[in-house]
Amino acid sequence: MTDFEEVCDWALKTVRLIGDYPDEVVVEAVPGDESTTLRIRANREDVGKVIGRQGRTSQALRILVGAMGKKLKWRFVVEINEGTQSL
């Protein structure tokens, strides 16, 4: 497993712990020229939990992923999107 895959896997495991629908969380890594974008999709009801009050949880995710990227000398951008709807 490469370092980039480890960062993506860490983000997936972390977001799955936050929400009520862990099976619906998807983290997609989109490589770019100067950075990699981690697109996090979660259940509609879990998006608020992933973002957190006043964006604190999402900001913490961004800080930690950024620190991992700094160690790898690469930039990561975190996007949080609404995924599937609850049944």
N, C-alpha and C. Protein backbone atom coordinates (compact mmCIF):
# COMPACT_ATOMS: atom_id res chain seq x y z
N MET A 1 0.84 -1.18 0.00
CA MET A 1 0.00 0.00 0.00
C MET A 1 0.89 1.24 0.00
N THR A 2 0.62 2.16 -0.92
CA THR A 2 1.42 3.37 -1.00
C THR A 2 0.99 4.35 0.10
N ASP A 3 1.81 5.36 0.27
CA ASP A 3 1.51 6.38 1.29
C ASP A 3 0.20 7.10 0.99
N PHE A 4 -0.07 7.37 -0.29
CA PHE A 4 -1.30 8.06 -0.66
C PHE A 4 -2.52 7.20 -0.35
N GLU A 5 -2.40 5.90 -0.59
CA GLU A 5 -3.51 4.99 -0.26
C GLU A 5 -3.73 4.92 1.24
N GLU A 6 -2.65 5.02 2.01
CA GLU A 6 -2.79 4.99 3.47
C GLU A 6 -3.53 6.22 3.97
N VAL A 7 -3.26 7.38 3.39
CA VAL A 7 -3.97 8.61 3.78
C VAL A 7 -5.45 8.47 3.44
N CYS A 8 -5.75 7.96 2.27
CA CYS A 8 -7.14 7.76 1.85
C CYS A 8 -7.84 6.75 2.76
N ASP A 9 -7.16 5.67 3.08
CA ASP A 9 -7.71 4.64 3.95
C ASP A 9 -7.95 5.19 5.35
N TRP A 10 -7.02 6.00 5.86
CA TRP A 10 -7.19 6.61 7.18
C TRP A 10 -8.43 7.50 7.20
N ALA A 11 -8.60 8.32 6.16
CA ALA A 11 -9.76 9.21 6.09
C ALA A 11 -11.05 8.40 6.05
N LEU A 12 -11.06 7.31 5.29
CA LEU A 12 -12.25 6.45 5.21
C LEU A 12 -12.59 5.87 6.57
N LYS A 13 -11.61 5.31 7.27
CA LYS A 13 -11.86 4.71 8.58
C LYS A 13 -12.34 5.75 9.59
N THR A 14 -11.76 6.93 9.55
CA THR A 14 -12.12 7.98 10.49
C THR A 14 -13.55 8.46 10.27
N VAL A 15 -13.92 8.71 9.03
CA VAL A 15 -15.28 9.20 8.73
C VAL A 15 -16.30 8.11 9.03
N ARG A 16 -15.95 6.86 8.81
CA ARG A 16 -16.88 5.78 9.13
C ARG A 16 -17.18 5.72 10.63
N LEU A 17 -16.23 6.10 11.46
CA LEU A 17 -16.45 6.11 12.91
C LEU A 17 -17.38 7.24 13.35
N ILE A 18 -17.46 8.28 12.55
CA ILE A 18 -18.23 9.46 12.93
C ILE A 18 -19.73 9.27 12.71
N GLY A 19 -20.10 8.68 11.58
CA GLY A 19 -21.50 8.64 11.17
C GLY A 19 -22.27 7.43 11.65
N ASP A 20 -23.58 7.46 11.40
CA ASP A 20 -24.48 6.36 11.75
C ASP A 20 -24.58 5.32 10.63
N TYR A 21 -24.16 5.67 9.43
CA TYR A 21 -24.23 4.77 8.27
C TYR A 21 -22.82 4.57 7.69
N PRO A 22 -21.98 3.82 8.40
CA PRO A 22 -20.58 3.68 7.96
C PRO A 22 -20.42 2.96 6.62
N ASP A 23 -21.36 2.11 6.26
CA ASP A 23 -21.24 1.38 5.00
C ASP A 23 -21.46 2.27 3.78
N GLU A 24 -22.05 3.43 3.98
CA GLU A 24 -22.34 4.33 2.86
C GLU A 24 -21.27 5.40 2.66
N VAL A 25 -20.21 5.36 3.45
CA VAL A 25 -19.12 6.33 3.31
C VAL A 25 -18.18 5.88 2.20
N VAL A 26 -17.87 6.81 1.31
CA VAL A 26 -16.95 6.55 0.21
C VAL A 26 -15.92 7.67 0.17
N VAL A 27 -14.65 7.31 0.09
CA VAL A 27 -13.58 8.30 -0.07
C VAL A 27 -12.91 8.01 -1.40
N GLU A 28 -12.94 9.01 -2.26
CA GLU A 28 -12.36 8.88 -3.60
C GLU A 28 -11.17 9.82 -3.70
N ALA A 29 -10.03 9.31 -4.12
CA ALA A 29 -8.83 10.12 -4.30
C ALA A 29 -8.74 10.52 -5.77
N VAL A 30 -8.72 11.82 -6.01
CA VAL A 30 -8.61 12.35 -7.37
C VAL A 30 -7.26 13.05 -7.49
N PRO A 31 -6.29 12.41 -8.16
CA PRO A 31 -4.97 13.02 -8.27
C PRO A 31 -4.97 14.21 -9.22
N GLY A 32 -4.14 15.16 -8.90
CA GLY A 32 -3.96 16.34 -9.74
C GLY A 32 -2.48 16.60 -9.96
N ASP A 33 -2.17 17.73 -10.58
CA ASP A 33 -0.78 18.06 -10.85
C ASP A 33 0.00 18.39 -9.59
N GLU A 34 -0.62 19.19 -8.72
CA GLU A 34 0.08 19.65 -7.52
C GLU A 34 -0.54 19.16 -6.22
N SER A 35 -1.67 18.46 -6.32
CA SER A 35 -2.34 18.01 -5.10
C SER A 35 -3.25 16.82 -5.43
N THR A 36 -3.73 16.19 -4.37
CA THR A 36 -4.71 15.12 -4.50
C THR A 36 -5.95 15.54 -3.73
N THR A 37 -7.11 15.43 -4.36
CA THR A 37 -8.36 15.78 -3.71
C THR A 37 -9.01 14.52 -3.17
N LEU A 38 -9.33 14.54 -1.89
CA LEU A 38 -10.06 13.45 -1.27
C LEU A 38 -11.52 13.85 -1.21
N ARG A 39 -12.35 13.20 -2.02
CA ARG A 39 -13.78 13.49 -2.03
C ARG A 39 -14.47 12.49 -1.11
N ILE A 40 -15.02 13.02 -0.04
CA ILE A 40 -15.70 12.19 0.95
C ILE A 40 -17.20 12.30 0.72
N ARG A 41 -17.84 11.17 0.48
CA ARG A 41 -19.29 11.13 0.32
C ARG A 41 -19.86 10.30 1.45
N ALA A 42 -20.87 10.85 2.10
CA ALA A 42 -21.51 10.16 3.22
C ALA A 42 -23.02 10.25 3.05
N ASN A 43 -23.72 9.49 3.84
CA ASN A 43 -25.18 9.52 3.84
C ASN A 43 -25.65 10.94 4.15
N ARG A 44 -26.80 11.27 3.59
CA ARG A 44 -27.36 12.61 3.77
C ARG A 44 -27.47 13.00 5.25
N GLU A 45 -27.83 12.04 6.08
CA GLU A 45 -27.99 12.31 7.51
C GLU A 45 -26.66 12.43 8.24
N ASP A 46 -25.60 11.88 7.67
CA ASP A 46 -24.29 11.92 8.32
C ASP A 46 -23.43 13.11 7.92
N VAL A 47 -23.81 13.81 6.87
CA VAL A 47 -22.98 14.92 6.39
C VAL A 47 -22.81 15.97 7.47
N GLY A 48 -23.88 16.27 8.20
CA GLY A 48 -23.78 17.25 9.29
C GLY A 48 -22.82 16.82 10.38
N LYS A 49 -22.79 15.53 10.67
CA LYS A 49 -21.87 15.02 11.68
C LYS A 49 -20.43 15.08 11.19
N VAL A 50 -20.23 14.81 9.92
CA VAL A 50 -18.88 14.85 9.36
C VAL A 50 -18.36 16.29 9.33
N ILE A 51 -19.25 17.23 9.04
CA ILE A 51 -18.84 18.64 9.03
C ILE A 51 -18.68 19.15 10.47
N GLY A 52 -19.60 18.78 11.35
CA GLY A 52 -19.50 19.19 12.75
C GLY A 52 -20.03 20.59 12.99
N ARG A 53 -20.11 20.94 14.25
CA ARG A 53 -20.58 22.27 14.62
C ARG A 53 -19.58 23.32 14.16
N GLN A 54 -20.10 24.28 13.42
CA GLN A 54 -19.29 25.36 12.86
C GLN A 54 -18.09 24.83 12.07
N GLY A 55 -18.22 23.62 11.53
CA GLY A 55 -17.17 23.06 10.69
C GLY A 55 -15.94 22.56 11.42
N ARG A 56 -16.07 22.35 12.71
CA ARG A 56 -14.90 21.97 13.50
C ARG A 56 -14.38 20.57 13.17
N THR A 57 -15.28 19.62 12.97
CA THR A 57 -14.85 18.26 12.66
C THR A 57 -14.19 18.21 11.29
N SER A 58 -14.80 18.85 10.30
CA SER A 58 -14.20 18.86 8.97
C SER A 58 -12.87 19.61 8.97
N GLN A 59 -12.77 20.66 9.74
CA GLN A 59 -11.51 21.39 9.84
C GLN A 59 -10.42 20.53 10.47
N ALA A 60 -10.79 19.74 11.48
CA ALA A 60 -9.83 18.83 12.10
C ALA A 60 -9.36 17.77 11.10
N LEU A 61 -10.29 17.23 10.30
CA LEU A 61 -9.91 16.28 9.25
C LEU A 61 -8.94 16.91 8.27
N ARG A 62 -9.23 18.14 7.86
CA ARG A 62 -8.36 18.83 6.91
C ARG A 62 -6.97 19.07 7.50
N ILE A 63 -6.92 19.43 8.75
CA ILE A 63 -5.62 19.69 9.40
C ILE A 63 -4.80 18.41 9.47
N LEU A 64 -5.43 17.31 9.88
CA LEU A 64 -4.70 16.05 10.00
C LEU A 64 -4.25 15.50 8.64
N VAL A 65 -5.13 15.58 7.66
CA VAL A 65 -4.75 15.13 6.31
C VAL A 65 -3.65 16.03 5.75
N GLY A 66 -3.74 17.32 6.04
CA GLY A 66 -2.69 18.24 5.61
C GLY A 66 -1.35 17.94 6.25
N ALA A 67 -1.37 17.56 7.52
CA ALA A 67 -0.13 17.20 8.21
C ALA A 67 0.47 15.93 7.61
N MET A 68 -0.39 14.97 7.27
CA MET A 68 0.10 13.76 6.62
C MET A 68 0.72 14.09 5.26
N GLY A 69 0.07 14.99 4.54
CA GLY A 69 0.58 15.40 3.24
C GLY A 69 1.90 16.14 3.35
N LYS A 70 2.04 16.93 4.39
CA LYS A 70 3.29 17.66 4.58
C LYS A 70 4.45 16.69 4.79
N LYS A 71 4.19 15.62 5.50
CA LYS A 71 5.22 14.60 5.72
C LYS A 71 5.61 13.93 4.39
N LEU A 72 4.61 13.77 3.51
CA LEU A 72 4.85 13.14 2.21
C LEU A 72 5.29 14.15 1.14
N LYS A 73 5.34 15.44 1.53
CA LYS A 73 5.67 16.53 0.61
C LYS A 73 4.66 16.58 -0.55
N TRP A 74 3.39 16.48 -0.17
CA TRP A 74 2.29 16.52 -1.13
C TRP A 74 1.11 17.22 -0.49
N ARG A 75 0.29 17.86 -1.29
CA ARG A 75 -0.87 18.59 -0.77
C ARG A 75 -2.14 17.77 -0.98
N PHE A 76 -2.94 17.70 0.05
CA PHE A 76 -4.24 17.04 -0.02
C PHE A 76 -5.34 18.06 0.23
N VAL A 77 -6.39 17.97 -0.55
CA VAL A 77 -7.57 18.82 -0.39
C VAL A 77 -8.73 17.90 -0.03
N VAL A 78 -9.52 18.29 0.98
CA VAL A 78 -10.64 17.45 1.42
C VAL A 78 -11.94 18.13 1.03
N GLU A 79 -12.78 17.40 0.30
CA GLU A 79 -14.12 17.85 -0.06
C GLU A 79 -15.13 16.91 0.58
N ILE A 80 -16.19 17.47 1.14
CA ILE A 80 -17.24 16.65 1.75
C ILE A 80 -18.52 16.86 0.97
N ASN A 81 -19.05 15.77 0.44
CA ASN A 81 -20.26 15.82 -0.39
C ASN A 81 -21.33 14.93 0.18
N GLU A 82 -22.57 15.26 -0.17
CA GLU A 82 -23.69 14.41 0.22
C GLU A 82 -23.76 13.22 -0.72
N GLY A 83 -23.82 12.04 -0.13
CA GLY A 83 -23.85 10.83 -0.95
C GLY A 83 -25.26 10.34 -1.15
N THR A 84 -25.50 9.12 -0.78
CA THR A 84 -26.81 8.51 -0.99
C THR A 84 -27.78 8.94 0.10
N GLN A 85 -29.04 8.78 -0.19
CA GLN A 85 -30.10 9.14 0.76
C GLN A 85 -30.48 7.92 1.57
N SER A 86 -30.87 8.15 2.82
CA SER A 86 -31.28 7.07 3.69
C SER A 86 -32.59 6.45 3.19
N LEU A 87 -32.73 5.13 3.36
CA LEU A 87 -33.93 4.44 2.90
C LEU A 87 -35.06 4.59 3.89
